[in-house]
């Protein structure tokens, strides 16, 4: 195996560390987290803005809460279906694209192997290998067509094989996340009779939910949790404020 001296230019800038067991922990739920983020962020923001807007337009109405709840639930139902369907179609499109490119790569490996071999070299050159260093890799992949095909899909095209259940899971995750997020701003209107109290309670609950969700999103995605929390809360607040003011202006 290569010794430390073989990489001396690199290690010159790397301080010596105590010899401890190296344990790597990588987050592997990226696709699911992305779906939760898509569904939850819209679910918290859109019904929140809708409820605030209706409250602003019908604040003096005796049945304002009932109207907010009715419209809000209708929006949550329609939004979850639309978002879930969008996630399903997006995942299906990714799977169809992968299948199309896979068939094309298979055909090219059979019909023009010399071109595909040169593409392996080109990929390895981008990683800093020389043509001489690339030759054993090309030979090894040529002897294993399935590995060759997988290499081309990953490193030439940047495509990962989608899971068969990806489309179904994506649609369900996005839809469920949208429903969970959408119920947060609507709950006060279901539990309180006074529309003003319901509005203020909805604002507080939704802002807390946006902050908590933004914080967790930051931890999941590796960004700064505090900044992610503030950004998420800011976007939701701006959307709700705009809807509230527009509705008040129209109602006047």
C-alpha atoms as a PDB file:
ATOM      1  CA  UNK A   1       0.000   0.000   0.000  1.00  0.00           C
ATOM      2  CA  UNK A   2       1.177   3.611  -0.537  1.00  0.00           C
ATOM      3  CA  UNK A   3       2.937   5.158   2.431  1.00  0.00           C
ATOM      4  CA  UNK A   4       2.571   8.640   3.844  1.00  0.00           C
ATOM      5  CA  UNK A   5       5.722   9.680   1.999  1.00  0.00           C
ATOM      6  CA  UNK A   6       4.085   8.916  -1.341  1.00  0.00           C
ATOM      7  CA  UNK A   7       1.640  11.748  -0.663  1.00  0.00           C
ATOM      8  CA  UNK A   8       4.067  14.142   1.025  1.00  0.00           C
ATOM      9  CA  UNK A   9       2.926  17.274  -0.920  1.00  0.00           C
ATOM     10  CA  UNK A  10      -0.607  16.672   0.294  1.00  0.00           C
ATOM     11  CA  UNK A  11       0.260  15.783   3.869  1.00  0.00           C
ATOM     12  CA  UNK A  12       2.481  18.843   4.299  1.00  0.00           C
ATOM     13  CA  UNK A  13      -0.668  20.871   4.876  1.00  0.00           C
ATOM     14  CA  UNK A  14      -2.438  18.241   6.976  1.00  0.00           C
ATOM     15  CA  UNK A  15      -1.552  18.140  10.700  1.00  0.00           C
ATOM     16  CA  UNK A  16      -0.833  14.821  12.347  1.00  0.00           C
ATOM     17  CA  UNK A  17      -3.845  13.448  14.185  1.00  0.00           C
ATOM     18  CA  UNK A  18      -4.046  10.895  16.978  1.00  0.00           C
ATOM     19  CA  UNK A  19      -4.410   7.315  15.742  1.00  0.00           C
ATOM     20  CA  UNK A  20      -8.057   6.642  16.558  1.00  0.00           C
ATOM     21  CA  UNK A  21     -10.551   4.356  14.818  1.00  0.00           C
ATOM     22  CA  UNK A  22     -11.936   6.068  11.707  1.00  0.00           C
ATOM     23  CA  UNK A  23     -15.718   5.891  11.669  1.00  0.00           C
ATOM     24  CA  UNK A  24     -17.555   7.603   8.844  1.00  0.00           C
ATOM     25  CA  UNK A  25     -21.207   8.503   9.154  1.00  0.00           C
ATOM     26  CA  UNK A  26     -22.837   9.585   5.930  1.00  0.00           C
ATOM     27  CA  UNK A  27     -26.422  10.695   5.582  1.00  0.00           C
ATOM     28  CA  UNK A  28     -28.143   8.408   3.070  1.00  0.00           C
ATOM     29  CA  UNK A  29     -31.741   9.645   3.104  1.00  0.00           C
ATOM     30  CA  UNK A  30     -31.237  12.509   0.693  1.00  0.00           C
ATOM     31  CA  UNK A  31     -34.151  11.691  -1.624  1.00  0.00           C
ATOM     32  CA  UNK A  32     -36.613  11.243   1.236  1.00  0.00           C
ATOM     33  CA  UNK A  33     -35.437  14.407   2.970  1.00  0.00           C
ATOM     34  CA  UNK A  34     -35.810  16.336  -0.282  1.00  0.00           C
ATOM     35  CA  UNK A  35     -39.407  15.137  -0.574  1.00  0.00           C
ATOM     36  CA  UNK A  36     -40.154  16.076   3.039  1.00  0.00           C
ATOM     37  CA  UNK A  37     -38.638  19.516   2.521  1.00  0.00           C
ATOM     38  CA  UNK A  38     -40.686  20.077  -0.646  1.00  0.00           C
ATOM     39  CA  UNK A  39     -43.950  18.969   0.934  1.00  0.00           C
ATOM     40  CA  UNK A  40     -43.516  20.477   4.387  1.00  0.00           C
ATOM     41  CA  UNK A  41     -42.232  23.861   3.253  1.00  0.00           C
ATOM     42  CA  UNK A  42     -45.146  24.372   0.863  1.00  0.00           C
ATOM     43  CA  UNK A  43     -47.595  22.849   3.328  1.00  0.00           C
ATOM     44  CA  UNK A  44     -46.613  25.298   6.039  1.00  0.00           C
ATOM     45  CA  UNK A  45     -46.397  28.331   3.769  1.00  0.00           C
ATOM     46  CA  UNK A  46     -49.332  28.141   1.337  1.00  0.00           C
ATOM     47  CA  UNK A  47     -52.186  27.348   3.784  1.00  0.00           C
ATOM     48  CA  UNK A  48     -50.672  29.836   6.230  1.00  0.00           C
ATOM     49  CA  UNK A  49     -50.765  32.561   3.595  1.00  0.00           C
ATOM     50  CA  UNK A  50     -54.278  31.544   2.531  1.00  0.00           C
ATOM     51  CA  UNK A  51     -55.599  31.560   6.108  1.00  0.00           C
ATOM     52  CA  UNK A  52     -54.007  34.935   6.818  1.00  0.00           C
ATOM     53  CA  UNK A  53     -55.408  36.369   3.589  1.00  0.00           C
ATOM     54  CA  UNK A  54     -58.957  35.181   4.261  1.00  0.00           C
ATOM     55  CA  UNK A  55     -58.722  36.424   7.846  1.00  0.00           C
ATOM     56  CA  UNK A  56     -57.710  39.823   6.567  1.00  0.00           C
ATOM     57  CA  UNK A  57     -60.600  39.969   4.124  1.00  0.00           C
ATOM     58  CA  UNK A  58     -63.306  38.577   6.424  1.00  0.00           C
ATOM     59  CA  UNK A  59     -62.137  39.706   9.853  1.00  0.00           C
ATOM     60  CA  UNK A  60     -65.511  41.268  10.634  1.00  0.00           C
ATOM     61  CA  UNK A  61     -67.551  38.289   9.460  1.00  0.00           C
ATOM     62  CA  UNK A  62     -69.280  36.157  12.088  1.00  0.00           C
ATOM     63  CA  UNK A  63     -68.322  32.937  10.338  1.00  0.00           C
ATOM     64  CA  UNK A  64     -64.751  33.922   9.389  1.00  0.00           C
ATOM     65  CA  UNK A  65     -63.223  30.911  11.138  1.00  0.00           C
ATOM     66  CA  UNK A  66     -65.533  28.499   9.354  1.00  0.00           C
ATOM     67  CA  UNK A  67     -64.656  30.007   5.990  1.00  0.00           C
ATOM     68  CA  UNK A  68     -60.934  29.872   6.752  1.00  0.00           C
ATOM     69  CA  UNK A  69     -61.149  26.218   7.787  1.00  0.00           C
ATOM     70  CA  UNK A  70     -63.260  25.245   4.764  1.00  0.00           C
ATOM     71  CA  UNK A  71     -60.995  27.018   2.296  1.00  0.00           C
ATOM     72  CA  UNK A  72     -57.872  25.856   4.096  1.00  0.00           C
ATOM     73  CA  UNK A  73     -58.870  22.187   4.113  1.00  0.00           C
ATOM     74  CA  UNK A  74     -59.830  22.375   0.449  1.00  0.00           C
ATOM     75  CA  UNK A  75     -56.437  23.895  -0.339  1.00  0.00           C
ATOM     76  CA  UNK A  76     -54.584  21.285   1.713  1.00  0.00           C
ATOM     77  CA  UNK A  77     -56.435  18.475  -0.079  1.00  0.00           C
ATOM     78  CA  UNK A  78     -55.851  19.946  -3.531  1.00  0.00           C
ATOM     79  CA  UNK A  79     -52.271  20.959  -2.739  1.00  0.00           C
ATOM     80  CA  UNK A  80     -51.272  17.569  -1.359  1.00  0.00           C
ATOM     81  CA  UNK A  81     -52.712  15.790  -4.406  1.00  0.00           C
ATOM     82  CA  UNK A  82     -51.053  18.182  -6.838  1.00  0.00           C
ATOM     83  CA  UNK A  83     -47.705  18.099  -5.053  1.00  0.00           C
ATOM     84  CA  UNK A  84     -47.809  14.310  -4.676  1.00  0.00           C
ATOM     85  CA  UNK A  85     -48.670  13.878  -8.344  1.00  0.00           C
ATOM     86  CA  UNK A  86     -45.855  16.242  -9.286  1.00  0.00           C
ATOM     87  CA  UNK A  87     -43.395  14.203  -7.231  1.00  0.00           C
ATOM     88  CA  UNK A  88     -44.635  10.984  -8.827  1.00  0.00           C
ATOM     89  CA  UNK A  89     -44.283  12.326 -12.378  1.00  0.00           C
ATOM     90  CA  UNK A  90     -40.835  13.766 -11.633  1.00  0.00           C
ATOM     91  CA  UNK A  91     -39.594  10.433 -10.269  1.00  0.00           C
ATOM     92  CA  UNK A  92     -41.116   8.542 -13.204  1.00  0.00           C
ATOM     93  CA  UNK A  93     -39.417  10.921 -15.616  1.00  0.00           C
ATOM     94  CA  UNK A  94     -36.068  10.315 -13.896  1.00  0.00           C
ATOM     95  CA  UNK A  95     -36.575   6.542 -14.160  1.00  0.00           C
ATOM     96  CA  UNK A  96     -37.532   6.761 -17.842  1.00  0.00           C
ATOM     97  CA  UNK A  97     -34.531   8.984 -18.573  1.00  0.00           C
ATOM     98  CA  UNK A  98     -32.216   6.530 -16.815  1.00  0.00           C
ATOM     99  CA  UNK A  99     -33.660   3.583 -18.743  1.00  0.00           C
ATOM    100  CA  UNK A 100     -33.250   5.427 -22.058  1.00  0.00           C
ATOM    101  CA  UNK A 101     -29.626   6.356 -21.351  1.00  0.00           C
ATOM    102  CA  UNK A 102     -28.880   2.841 -20.079  1.00  0.00           C
ATOM    103  CA  UNK A 103     -30.119   1.299 -23.331  1.00  0.00           C
ATOM    104  CA  UNK A 104     -28.066   3.781 -25.353  1.00  0.00           C
ATOM    105  CA  UNK A 105     -24.893   3.053 -23.388  1.00  0.00           C
ATOM    106  CA  UNK A 106     -25.411  -0.711 -23.784  1.00  0.00           C
ATOM    107  CA  UNK A 107     -25.763  -0.286 -27.527  1.00  0.00           C
ATOM    108  CA  UNK A 108     -22.652   1.905 -27.797  1.00  0.00           C
ATOM    109  CA  UNK A 109     -20.525  -0.503 -25.748  1.00  0.00           C
ATOM    110  CA  UNK A 110     -21.442  -3.257 -28.226  1.00  0.00           C
ATOM    111  CA  UNK A 111     -21.282  -1.222 -31.442  1.00  0.00           C
ATOM    112  CA  UNK A 112     -18.463   1.281 -30.780  1.00  0.00           C
ATOM    113  CA  UNK A 113     -16.389  -0.092 -27.876  1.00  0.00           C
ATOM    114  CA  UNK A 114     -13.267   1.842 -28.912  1.00  0.00           C
ATOM    115  CA  UNK A 115     -15.123   5.138 -28.459  1.00  0.00           C
ATOM    116  CA  UNK A 116     -16.478   4.057 -25.076  1.00  0.00           C
ATOM    117  CA  UNK A 117     -12.981   3.024 -23.986  1.00  0.00           C
ATOM    118  CA  UNK A 118     -11.690   6.472 -24.864  1.00  0.00           C
ATOM    119  CA  UNK A 119     -14.520   7.978 -22.819  1.00  0.00           C
ATOM    120  CA  UNK A 120     -13.311   5.965 -19.806  1.00  0.00           C
ATOM    121  CA  UNK A 121      -9.861   7.456 -20.306  1.00  0.00           C
ATOM    122  CA  UNK A 122     -11.349  10.941 -20.603  1.00  0.00           C
ATOM    123  CA  UNK A 123     -13.198  10.488 -17.314  1.00  0.00           C
ATOM    124  CA  UNK A 124     -10.076   9.282 -15.541  1.00  0.00           C
ATOM    125  CA  UNK A 125      -8.037  12.130 -17.005  1.00  0.00           C
ATOM    126  CA  UNK A 126     -10.430  14.518 -15.318  1.00  0.00           C
ATOM    127  CA  UNK A 127      -9.465  12.863 -12.026  1.00  0.00           C
ATOM    128  CA  UNK A 128      -5.779  13.502 -12.706  1.00  0.00           C
ATOM    129  CA  UNK A 129      -4.760  10.063 -13.965  1.00  0.00           C
ATOM    130  CA  UNK A 130      -2.453   9.712 -16.956  1.00  0.00           C
ATOM    131  CA  UNK A 131      -3.307   7.592 -20.017  1.00  0.00           C
ATOM    132  CA  UNK A 132      -0.778   5.009 -18.794  1.00  0.00           C
ATOM    133  CA  UNK A 133      -2.436   4.839 -15.378  1.00  0.00           C
ATOM    134  CA  UNK A 134      -5.863   4.602 -17.016  1.00  0.00           C
ATOM    135  CA  UNK A 135      -4.965   1.619 -19.206  1.00  0.00           C
ATOM    136  CA  UNK A 136      -5.355  -1.069 -16.462  1.00  0.00           C
ATOM    137  CA  UNK A 137      -8.717   0.406 -15.475  1.00  0.00           C
ATOM    138  CA  UNK A 138      -9.917   0.290 -19.076  1.00  0.00           C
ATOM    139  CA  UNK A 139      -8.774  -3.310 -19.404  1.00  0.00           C
ATOM    140  CA  UNK A 140     -10.479  -4.329 -16.170  1.00  0.00           C
ATOM    141  CA  UNK A 141     -13.768  -2.690 -17.137  1.00  0.00           C
ATOM    142  CA  UNK A 142     -13.619  -4.175 -20.624  1.00  0.00           C
ATOM    143  CA  UNK A 143     -13.529  -7.623 -19.007  1.00  0.00           C
ATOM    144  CA  UNK A 144     -16.642  -6.839 -16.948  1.00  0.00           C
ATOM    145  CA  UNK A 145     -19.361  -5.357 -19.199  1.00  0.00           C
ATOM    146  CA  UNK A 146     -21.842  -4.765 -16.349  1.00  0.00           C
ATOM    147  CA  UNK A 147     -19.248  -2.835 -14.340  1.00  0.00           C
ATOM    148  CA  UNK A 148     -18.276  -0.963 -17.510  1.00  0.00           C
ATOM    149  CA  UNK A 149     -21.892   0.036 -18.070  1.00  0.00           C
ATOM    150  CA  UNK A 150     -22.318   1.112 -14.451  1.00  0.00           C
ATOM    151  CA  UNK A 151     -19.108   3.156 -14.657  1.00  0.00           C
ATOM    152  CA  UNK A 152     -20.327   5.017 -17.737  1.00  0.00           C
ATOM    153  CA  UNK A 153     -23.727   5.736 -16.212  1.00  0.00           C
ATOM    154  CA  UNK A 154     -22.230   7.074 -12.998  1.00  0.00           C
ATOM    155  CA  UNK A 155     -19.132   8.925 -14.116  1.00  0.00           C
ATOM    156  CA  UNK A 156     -19.823   9.918 -17.713  1.00  0.00           C
ATOM    157  CA  UNK A 157     -23.514  10.749 -17.389  1.00  0.00           C
ATOM    158  CA  UNK A 158     -23.754  11.362 -13.637  1.00  0.00           C
ATOM    159  CA  UNK A 159     -26.827   9.131 -13.293  1.00  0.00           C
ATOM    160  CA  UNK A 160     -27.663   6.855 -10.382  1.00  0.00           C
ATOM    161  CA  UNK A 161     -29.998   3.896 -10.821  1.00  0.00           C
ATOM    162  CA  UNK A 162     -33.387   4.903  -9.355  1.00  0.00           C
ATOM    163  CA  UNK A 163     -35.139   2.653  -6.882  1.00  0.00           C
ATOM    164  CA  UNK A 164     -38.192   0.849  -8.372  1.00  0.00           C
ATOM    165  CA  UNK A 165     -40.457   2.245  -5.640  1.00  0.00           C
ATOM    166  CA  UNK A 166     -39.054   5.771  -5.886  1.00  0.00           C
ATOM    167  CA  UNK A 167     -42.059   7.310  -7.693  1.00  0.00           C
ATOM    168  CA  UNK A 168     -44.626   5.864  -5.282  1.00  0.00           C
ATOM    169  CA  UNK A 169     -42.620   6.719  -2.165  1.00  0.00           C
ATOM    170  CA  UNK A 170     -41.892  10.234  -3.400  1.00  0.00           C
ATOM    171  CA  UNK A 171     -45.545  11.010  -4.097  1.00  0.00           C
ATOM    172  CA  UNK A 172     -46.706   9.664  -0.730  1.00  0.00           C
ATOM    173  CA  UNK A 173     -43.957  11.436   1.218  1.00  0.00           C
ATOM    174  CA  UNK A 174     -44.579  14.808  -0.426  1.00  0.00           C
ATOM    175  CA  UNK A 175     -48.356  14.545  -0.037  1.00  0.00           C
ATOM    176  CA  UNK A 176     -48.175  13.462   3.618  1.00  0.00           C
ATOM    177  CA  UNK A 177     -45.650  16.200   4.446  1.00  0.00           C
ATOM    178  CA  UNK A 178     -47.871  18.790   2.784  1.00  0.00           C
ATOM    179  CA  UNK A 179     -50.885  17.668   4.848  1.00  0.00           C
ATOM    180  CA  UNK A 180     -48.919  17.718   8.112  1.00  0.00           C
ATOM    181  CA  UNK A 181     -47.536  21.167   7.373  1.00  0.00           C
ATOM    182  CA  UNK A 182     -50.877  22.513   6.183  1.00  0.00           C
ATOM    183  CA  UNK A 183     -52.745  21.514   9.331  1.00  0.00           C
ATOM    184  CA  UNK A 184     -50.488  23.598  11.578  1.00  0.00           C
ATOM    185  CA  UNK A 185     -51.823  27.056  10.582  1.00  0.00           C
ATOM    186  CA  UNK A 186     -55.419  25.760  10.382  1.00  0.00           C
ATOM    187  CA  UNK A 187     -55.644  24.166  13.834  1.00  0.00           C
ATOM    188  CA  UNK A 188     -56.219  27.464  15.718  1.00  0.00           C
ATOM    189  CA  UNK A 189     -59.192  28.263  13.474  1.00  0.00           C
ATOM    190  CA  UNK A 190     -60.678  24.868  14.336  1.00  0.00           C
ATOM    191  CA  UNK A 191     -60.194  25.258  18.083  1.00  0.00           C
ATOM    192  CA  UNK A 192     -60.826  28.965  18.700  1.00  0.00           C
ATOM    193  CA  UNK A 193     -63.989  30.955  18.011  1.00  0.00           C
ATOM    194  CA  UNK A 194     -62.541  34.443  17.863  1.00  0.00           C
ATOM    195  CA  UNK A 195     -60.996  34.999  14.402  1.00  0.00           C
ATOM    196  CA  UNK A 196     -58.472  37.533  15.731  1.00  0.00           C
ATOM    197  CA  UNK A 197     -57.283  35.138  18.425  1.00  0.00           C
ATOM    198  CA  UNK A 198     -57.163  32.332  15.883  1.00  0.00           C
ATOM    199  CA  UNK A 199     -55.110  34.474  13.491  1.00  0.00           C
ATOM    200  CA  UNK A 200     -52.551  35.488  16.122  1.00  0.00           C
ATOM    201  CA  UNK A 201     -52.301  31.928  17.438  1.00  0.00           C
ATOM    202  CA  UNK A 202     -51.883  30.622  13.890  1.00  0.00           C
ATOM    203  CA  UNK A 203     -49.082  33.116  13.269  1.00  0.00           C
ATOM    204  CA  UNK A 204     -47.217  32.070  16.419  1.00  0.00           C
ATOM    205  CA  UNK A 205     -47.663  28.335  15.829  1.00  0.00           C
ATOM    206  CA  UNK A 206     -46.704  28.530  12.183  1.00  0.00           C
ATOM    207  CA  UNK A 207     -43.629  30.656  12.858  1.00  0.00           C
ATOM    208  CA  UNK A 208     -42.508  28.191  15.530  1.00  0.00           C
ATOM    209  CA  UNK A 209     -43.139  25.311  13.129  1.00  0.00           C
ATOM    210  CA  UNK A 210     -41.220  27.095  10.343  1.00  0.00           C
ATOM    211  CA  UNK A 211     -38.299  27.746  12.684  1.00  0.00           C
ATOM    212  CA  UNK A 212     -38.261  24.150  13.916  1.00  0.00           C
ATOM    213  CA  UNK A 213     -38.611  22.734  10.418  1.00  0.00           C
ATOM    214  CA  UNK A 214     -35.949  25.065   9.032  1.00  0.00           C
ATOM    215  CA  UNK A 215     -33.589  24.086  11.843  1.00  0.00           C
ATOM    216  CA  UNK A 216     -34.085  20.380  11.196  1.00  0.00           C
ATOM    217  CA  UNK A 217     -33.734  20.929   7.455  1.00  0.00           C
ATOM    218  CA  UNK A 218     -30.390  22.596   8.085  1.00  0.00           C
ATOM    219  CA  UNK A 219     -29.214  19.631  10.148  1.00  0.00           C
ATOM    220  CA  UNK A 220     -30.399  17.149   7.517  1.00  0.00           C
ATOM    221  CA  UNK A 221     -28.795  18.950   4.588  1.00  0.00           C
ATOM    222  CA  UNK A 222     -25.568  19.939   6.337  1.00  0.00           C
ATOM    223  CA  UNK A 223     -26.140  23.707   6.192  1.00  0.00           C
ATOM    224  CA  UNK A 224     -26.147  26.052   9.190  1.00  0.00           C
ATOM    225  CA  UNK A 225     -29.284  25.110  11.188  1.00  0.00           C
ATOM    226  CA  UNK A 226     -29.872  28.594  12.619  1.00  0.00           C
ATOM    227  CA  UNK A 227     -29.586  30.290   9.240  1.00  0.00           C
ATOM    228  CA  UNK A 228     -31.832  27.663   7.645  1.00  0.00           C
ATOM    229  CA  UNK A 229     -34.427  28.196  10.392  1.00  0.00           C
ATOM    230  CA  UNK A 230     -34.432  31.974   9.942  1.00  0.00           C
ATOM    231  CA  UNK A 231     -34.605  31.738   6.145  1.00  0.00           C
ATOM    232  CA  UNK A 232     -37.533  29.308   6.264  1.00  0.00           C
ATOM    233  CA  UNK A 233     -39.429  31.450   8.765  1.00  0.00           C
ATOM    234  CA  UNK A 234     -38.731  34.590   6.722  1.00  0.00           C
ATOM    235  CA  UNK A 235     -40.102  33.087   3.501  1.00  0.00           C
ATOM    236  CA  UNK A 236     -43.268  31.896   5.243  1.00  0.00           C
ATOM    237  CA  UNK A 237     -43.755  35.247   6.961  1.00  0.00           C
ATOM    238  CA  UNK A 238     -43.353  37.211   3.733  1.00  0.00           C
ATOM    239  CA  UNK A 239     -45.860  34.989   1.913  1.00  0.00           C
ATOM    240  CA  UNK A 240     -48.449  35.274   4.669  1.00  0.00           C
ATOM    241  CA  UNK A 241     -47.957  39.029   5.054  1.00  0.00           C
ATOM    242  CA  UNK A 242     -48.364  39.596   1.323  1.00  0.00           C
ATOM    243  CA  UNK A 243     -51.540  37.497   1.202  1.00  0.00           C
ATOM    244  CA  UNK A 244     -52.971  39.258   4.264  1.00  0.00           C
ATOM    245  CA  UNK A 245     -52.328  42.775   2.920  1.00  0.00           C
ATOM    246  CA  UNK A 246     -53.613  41.972  -0.574  1.00  0.00           C
ATOM    247  CA  UNK A 247     -56.821  40.502   0.846  1.00  0.00           C
ATOM    248  CA  UNK A 248     -57.355  43.511   3.105  1.00  0.00           C
ATOM    249  CA  UNK A 249     -56.886  45.898   0.182  1.00  0.00           C
ATOM    250  CA  UNK A 250     -59.343  43.989  -1.995  1.00  0.00           C
ATOM    251  CA  UNK A 251     -61.909  43.791   0.792  1.00  0.00           C
ATOM    252  CA  UNK A 252     -61.875  47.535   1.454  1.00  0.00           C
END
